[in-house]
């Protein structure tokens, strides 16, 4: 079984782990109809439009 000859420093260990725990903010685009932010390639939750067509009727409060 492979065993390390020398101990790896904490800095070397942390450099290796640095990219694993990064969190990315979700990508948001503005809706062409109402101007609110939405996730790309999904129906706008505010107005219900997708690709210049009304797909879902928006909820009326």
PDB file of N, CA and C in Angstrom:
ATOM      1  N   UNK A   1       0.839  -1.176   0.000  1.00  0.00           N
ATOM      2  CA  UNK A   1       0.000   0.000   0.000  1.00  0.00           C
ATOM      3  C   UNK A   1       0.890   1.248   0.000  1.00  0.00           C
ATOM      4  N   UNK A   2       0.502   2.254  -0.761  1.00  0.00           N
ATOM      5  CA  UNK A   2       1.310   3.461  -0.864  1.00  0.00           C
ATOM      6  C   UNK A   2       1.159   4.313   0.387  1.00  0.00           C
ATOM      7  N   UNK A   3       2.290   4.726   0.921  1.00  0.00           N
ATOM      8  CA  UNK A   3       2.311   5.564   2.119  1.00  0.00           C
ATOM      9  C   UNK A   3       3.192   6.774   1.813  1.00  0.00           C
ATOM     10  N   UNK A   4       2.734   7.999   2.148  1.00  0.00           N
ATOM     11  CA  UNK A   4       3.558   9.163   1.880  1.00  0.00           C
ATOM     12  C   UNK A   4       4.841   9.164   2.706  1.00  0.00           C
ATOM     13  N   UNK A   5       5.929   9.581   2.081  1.00  0.00           N
ATOM     14  CA  UNK A   5       7.209   9.594   2.789  1.00  0.00           C
ATOM     15  C   UNK A   5       7.289  10.775   3.744  1.00  0.00           C
ATOM     16  N   UNK A   6       6.713  11.908   3.346  1.00  0.00           N
ATOM     17  CA  UNK A   6       6.740  13.105   4.186  1.00  0.00           C
ATOM     18  C   UNK A   6       5.314  13.645   4.363  1.00  0.00           C
ATOM     19  N   UNK A   7       5.131  14.350   5.463  1.00  0.00           N
ATOM     20  CA  UNK A   7       3.829  14.940   5.748  1.00  0.00           C
ATOM     21  C   UNK A   7       3.605  16.157   4.841  1.00  0.00           C
ATOM     22  N   UNK A   8       2.400  16.241   4.254  1.00  0.00           N
ATOM     23  CA  UNK A   8       2.048  17.406   3.459  1.00  0.00           C
ATOM     24  C   UNK A   8       1.673  18.536   4.398  1.00  0.00           C
ATOM     25  N   UNK A   9       2.111  19.743   4.085  1.00  0.00           N
ATOM     26  CA  UNK A   9       1.823  20.888   4.940  1.00  0.00           C
ATOM     27  C   UNK A   9       0.347  21.264   4.833  1.00  0.00           C
ATOM     28  N   UNK A  10      -0.125  22.070   5.793  1.00  0.00           N
ATOM     29  CA  UNK A  10      -1.510  22.522   5.784  1.00  0.00           C
ATOM     30  C   UNK A  10      -1.774  23.421   4.587  1.00  0.00           C
ATOM     31  N   UNK A  11      -0.775  24.207   4.198  1.00  0.00           N
ATOM     32  CA  UNK A  11      -0.943  25.090   3.045  1.00  0.00           C
ATOM     33  C   UNK A  11      -1.124  24.285   1.761  1.00  0.00           C
ATOM     34  N   UNK A  12      -0.342  23.237   1.601  1.00  0.00           N
ATOM     35  CA  UNK A  12      -0.453  22.394   0.411  1.00  0.00           C
ATOM     36  C   UNK A  12      -1.802  21.681   0.389  1.00  0.00           C
ATOM     37  N   UNK A  13      -2.239  21.201   1.542  1.00  0.00           N
ATOM     38  CA  UNK A  13      -3.534  20.529   1.644  1.00  0.00           C
ATOM     39  C   UNK A  13      -4.663  21.495   1.307  1.00  0.00           C
ATOM     40  N   UNK A  14      -4.592  22.720   1.845  1.00  0.00           N
ATOM     41  CA  UNK A  14      -5.658  23.689   1.622  1.00  0.00           C
ATOM     42  C   UNK A  14      -5.680  24.199   0.191  1.00  0.00           C
ATOM     43  N   UNK A  15      -4.508  24.289  -0.456  1.00  0.00           N
ATOM     44  CA  UNK A  15      -4.466  24.685  -1.863  1.00  0.00           C
ATOM     45  C   UNK A  15      -5.183  23.654  -2.728  1.00  0.00           C
ATOM     46  N   UNK A  16      -5.004  22.392  -2.391  1.00  0.00           N
ATOM     47  CA  UNK A  16      -5.647  21.331  -3.148  1.00  0.00           C
ATOM     48  C   UNK A  16      -7.163  21.394  -2.988  1.00  0.00           C
ATOM     49  N   UNK A  17      -7.634  21.748  -1.819  1.00  0.00           N
ATOM     50  CA  UNK A  17      -9.065  21.759  -1.535  1.00  0.00           C
ATOM     51  C   UNK A  17      -9.753  23.070  -1.888  1.00  0.00           C
ATOM     52  N   UNK A  18      -9.018  24.062  -2.299  1.00  0.00           N
ATOM     53  CA  UNK A  18      -9.586  25.409  -2.428  1.00  0.00           C
ATOM     54  C   UNK A  18     -10.704  25.489  -3.460  1.00  0.00           C
ATOM     55  N   UNK A  19     -10.601  24.787  -4.584  1.00  0.00           N
ATOM     56  CA  UNK A  19     -11.609  24.897  -5.636  1.00  0.00           C
ATOM     57  C   UNK A  19     -12.802  23.983  -5.422  1.00  0.00           C
ATOM     58  N   UNK A  20     -12.702  23.055  -4.522  1.00  0.00           N
ATOM     59  CA  UNK A  20     -13.770  22.085  -4.333  1.00  0.00           C
ATOM     60  C   UNK A  20     -14.996  22.723  -3.702  1.00  0.00           C
ATOM     61  N   UNK A  21     -14.801  23.667  -2.795  1.00  0.00           N
ATOM     62  CA  UNK A  21     -15.906  24.174  -1.983  1.00  0.00           C
ATOM     63  C   UNK A  21     -16.463  25.496  -2.493  1.00  0.00           C
ATOM     64  N   UNK A  22     -16.057  25.942  -3.672  1.00  0.00           N
ATOM     65  CA  UNK A  22     -16.569  27.205  -4.207  1.00  0.00           C
ATOM     66  C   UNK A  22     -18.048  27.072  -4.548  1.00  0.00           C
ATOM     67  N   UNK A  23     -18.809  28.105  -4.233  1.00  0.00           N
ATOM     68  CA  UNK A  23     -20.210  28.152  -4.614  1.00  0.00           C
ATOM     69  C   UNK A  23     -20.376  29.198  -5.702  1.00  0.00           C
ATOM     70  N   UNK A  24     -21.140  28.869  -6.729  1.00  0.00           N
ATOM     71  CA  UNK A  24     -21.399  29.795  -7.814  1.00  0.00           C
ATOM     72  C   UNK A  24     -22.788  30.405  -7.639  1.00  0.00           C
ATOM     73  N   UNK A  25     -22.882  31.679  -7.854  1.00  0.00           N
ATOM     74  CA  UNK A  25     -24.185  32.326  -7.830  1.00  0.00           C
ATOM     75  C   UNK A  25     -24.955  31.896  -9.076  1.00  0.00           C
ATOM     76  N   UNK A  26     -26.260  31.717  -8.969  1.00  0.00           N
ATOM     77  CA  UNK A  26     -27.017  31.300 -10.150  1.00  0.00           C
ATOM     78  C   UNK A  26     -27.015  32.395 -11.203  1.00  0.00           C
ATOM     79  N   UNK A  27     -26.966  32.001 -12.462  1.00  0.00           N
ATOM     80  CA  UNK A  27     -26.988  32.945 -13.566  1.00  0.00           C
ATOM     81  C   UNK A  27     -28.402  33.492 -13.718  1.00  0.00           C
ATOM     82  N   UNK A  28     -28.523  34.803 -13.814  1.00  0.00           N
ATOM     83  CA  UNK A  28     -29.821  35.434 -13.988  1.00  0.00           C
ATOM     84  C   UNK A  28     -29.793  36.325 -15.213  1.00  0.00           C
ATOM     85  N   UNK A  29     -30.902  36.346 -15.950  1.00  0.00           N
ATOM     86  CA  UNK A  29     -31.059  37.231 -17.094  1.00  0.00           C
ATOM     87  C   UNK A  29     -32.349  38.025 -16.902  1.00  0.00           C
ATOM     88  N   UNK A  30     -32.472  39.132 -17.610  1.00  0.00           N
ATOM     89  CA  UNK A  30     -33.705  39.911 -17.505  1.00  0.00           C
ATOM     90  C   UNK A  30     -34.726  39.392 -18.497  1.00  0.00           C
ATOM     91  N   UNK A  31     -35.971  39.406 -18.073  1.00  0.00           N
ATOM     92  CA  UNK A  31     -37.080  38.968 -18.924  1.00  0.00           C
ATOM     93  C   UNK A  31     -37.331  40.037 -19.983  1.00  0.00           C
ATOM     94  N   UNK A  32     -37.562  39.626 -21.222  1.00  0.00           N
ATOM     95  CA  UNK A  32     -37.801  40.576 -22.302  1.00  0.00           C
ATOM     96  C   UNK A  32     -39.153  41.259 -22.173  1.00  0.00           C
ATOM     97  N   UNK A  33     -40.104  40.602 -21.527  1.00  0.00           N
ATOM     98  CA  UNK A  33     -41.445  41.158 -21.410  1.00  0.00           C
ATOM     99  C   UNK A  33     -41.582  42.125 -20.234  1.00  0.00           C
ATOM    100  N   UNK A  34     -41.213  41.654 -19.033  1.00  0.00           N
ATOM    101  CA  UNK A  34     -41.478  42.462 -17.831  1.00  0.00           C
ATOM    102  C   UNK A  34     -40.217  43.065 -17.230  1.00  0.00           C
ATOM    103  N   UNK A  35     -39.028  42.586 -17.601  1.00  0.00           N
ATOM    104  CA  UNK A  35     -37.795  43.169 -17.104  1.00  0.00           C
ATOM    105  C   UNK A  35     -37.315  42.619 -15.776  1.00  0.00           C
ATOM    106  N   UNK A  36     -38.031  41.658 -15.206  1.00  0.00           N
ATOM    107  CA  UNK A  36     -37.582  41.082 -13.936  1.00  0.00           C
ATOM    108  C   UNK A  36     -36.516  40.023 -14.201  1.00  0.00           C
ATOM    109  N   UNK A  37     -35.784  39.658 -13.162  1.00  0.00           N
ATOM    110  CA  UNK A  37     -34.737  38.648 -13.307  1.00  0.00           C
ATOM    111  C   UNK A  37     -35.338  37.255 -13.285  1.00  0.00           C
ATOM    112  N   UNK A  38     -34.783  36.374 -14.100  1.00  0.00           N
ATOM    113  CA  UNK A  38     -35.234  34.986 -14.165  1.00  0.00           C
ATOM    114  C   UNK A  38     -34.053  34.093 -14.528  1.00  0.00           C
ATOM    115  N   UNK A  39     -34.211  32.794 -14.351  1.00  0.00           N
ATOM    116  CA  UNK A  39     -33.195  31.815 -14.713  1.00  0.00           C
ATOM    117  C   UNK A  39     -33.271  31.596 -16.224  1.00  0.00           C
ATOM    118  N   UNK A  40     -32.149  31.537 -16.939  1.00  0.00           N
ATOM    119  CA  UNK A  40     -32.216  31.355 -18.389  1.00  0.00           C
ATOM    120  C   UNK A  40     -32.831  30.021 -18.779  1.00  0.00           C
ATOM    121  N   UNK A  41     -33.499  29.991 -19.910  1.00  0.00           N
ATOM    122  CA  UNK A  41     -34.135  28.799 -20.490  1.00  0.00           C
ATOM    123  C   UNK A  41     -35.270  28.282 -19.625  1.00  0.00           C
ATOM    124  N   UNK A  42     -35.900  29.164 -18.863  1.00  0.00           N
ATOM    125  CA  UNK A  42     -37.061  28.780 -18.066  1.00  0.00           C
ATOM    126  C   UNK A  42     -38.109  29.864 -18.162  1.00  0.00           C
ATOM    127  N   UNK A  43     -39.345  29.490 -17.882  1.00  0.00           N
ATOM    128  CA  UNK A  43     -40.458  30.432 -17.939  1.00  0.00           C
ATOM    129  C   UNK A  43     -40.280  31.479 -16.852  1.00  0.00           C
ATOM    130  N   UNK A  44     -40.609  32.729 -17.173  1.00  0.00           N
ATOM    131  CA  UNK A  44     -40.535  33.809 -16.194  1.00  0.00           C
ATOM    132  C   UNK A  44     -41.644  33.607 -15.165  1.00  0.00           C
ATOM    133  N   UNK A  45     -41.287  33.646 -13.908  1.00  0.00           N
ATOM    134  CA  UNK A  45     -42.267  33.436 -12.846  1.00  0.00           C
ATOM    135  C   UNK A  45     -43.188  34.619 -12.656  1.00  0.00           C
ATOM    136  N   UNK A  46     -42.792  35.799 -13.119  1.00  0.00           N
ATOM    137  CA  UNK A  46     -43.604  36.996 -12.926  1.00  0.00           C
ATOM    138  C   UNK A  46     -44.684  37.131 -13.988  1.00  0.00           C
ATOM    139  N   UNK A  47     -44.290  37.014 -15.249  1.00  0.00           N
ATOM    140  CA  UNK A  47     -45.258  37.249 -16.328  1.00  0.00           C
ATOM    141  C   UNK A  47     -45.684  35.969 -17.051  1.00  0.00           C
ATOM    142  N   UNK A  48     -44.937  34.882 -16.908  1.00  0.00           N
ATOM    143  CA  UNK A  48     -45.320  33.616 -17.538  1.00  0.00           C
ATOM    144  C   UNK A  48     -44.906  33.489 -18.989  1.00  0.00           C
ATOM    145  N   UNK A  49     -44.013  34.339 -19.472  1.00  0.00           N
ATOM    146  CA  UNK A  49     -43.583  34.282 -20.868  1.00  0.00           C
ATOM    147  C   UNK A  49     -42.299  33.473 -21.008  1.00  0.00           C
ATOM    148  N   UNK A  50     -42.171  32.803 -22.150  1.00  0.00           N
ATOM    149  CA  UNK A  50     -40.946  32.103 -22.526  1.00  0.00           C
ATOM    150  C   UNK A  50     -40.793  32.221 -24.021  1.00  0.00           C
ATOM    151  N   UNK A  51     -39.665  32.770 -24.481  1.00  0.00           N
ATOM    152  CA  UNK A  51     -39.387  32.981 -25.914  1.00  0.00           C
ATOM    153  C   UNK A  51     -40.530  33.729 -26.595  1.00  0.00           C
ATOM    154  N   UNK A  52     -40.922  34.866 -26.041  1.00  0.00           N
ATOM    155  CA  UNK A  52     -41.928  35.761 -26.611  1.00  0.00           C
ATOM    156  C   UNK A  52     -43.316  35.135 -26.738  1.00  0.00           C
ATOM    157  N   UNK A  53     -43.601  34.081 -25.987  1.00  0.00           N
ATOM    158  CA  UNK A  53     -44.937  33.480 -25.978  1.00  0.00           C
ATOM    159  C   UNK A  53     -45.375  33.302 -24.530  1.00  0.00           C
ATOM    160  N   UNK A  54     -46.672  33.507 -24.275  1.00  0.00           N
ATOM    161  CA  UNK A  54     -47.192  33.273 -22.940  1.00  0.00           C
ATOM    162  C   UNK A  54     -47.437  31.781 -22.771  1.00  0.00           C
ATOM    163  N   UNK A  55     -46.699  31.169 -21.883  1.00  0.00           N
ATOM    164  CA  UNK A  55     -46.790  29.733 -21.680  1.00  0.00           C
ATOM    165  C   UNK A  55     -47.658  29.417 -20.466  1.00  0.00           C
ATOM    166  N   UNK A  56     -47.532  30.225 -19.430  1.00  0.00           N
ATOM    167  CA  UNK A  56     -48.257  29.993 -18.189  1.00  0.00           C
ATOM    168  C   UNK A  56     -48.967  31.286 -17.817  1.00  0.00           C
ATOM    169  N   UNK A  57     -50.205  31.155 -17.369  1.00  0.00           N
ATOM    170  CA  UNK A  57     -50.920  32.333 -16.881  1.00  0.00           C
ATOM    171  C   UNK A  57     -50.345  32.730 -15.535  1.00  0.00           C
ATOM    172  N   UNK A  58     -49.952  33.997 -15.365  1.00  0.00           N
ATOM    173  CA  UNK A  58     -49.396  34.413 -14.067  1.00  0.00           C
ATOM    174  C   UNK A  58     -50.472  34.425 -12.981  1.00  0.00           C
ATOM    175  N   UNK A  59     -50.036  34.185 -11.752  1.00  0.00           N
ATOM    176  CA  UNK A  59     -50.969  34.205 -10.622  1.00  0.00           C
ATOM    177  C   UNK A  59     -51.407  35.643 -10.365  1.00  0.00           C
ATOM    178  N   UNK A  60     -52.694  35.825 -10.149  1.00  0.00           N
ATOM    179  CA  UNK A  60     -53.214  37.157  -9.836  1.00  0.00           C
ATOM    180  C   UNK A  60     -53.445  37.245  -8.352  1.00  0.00           C
ATOM    181  N   UNK A  61     -52.825  38.263  -7.718  1.00  0.00           N
ATOM    182  CA  UNK A  61     -52.970  38.422  -6.268  1.00  0.00           C
ATOM    183  C   UNK A  61     -54.172  39.274  -5.923  1.00  0.00           C
TER     184      UNK A  61
END
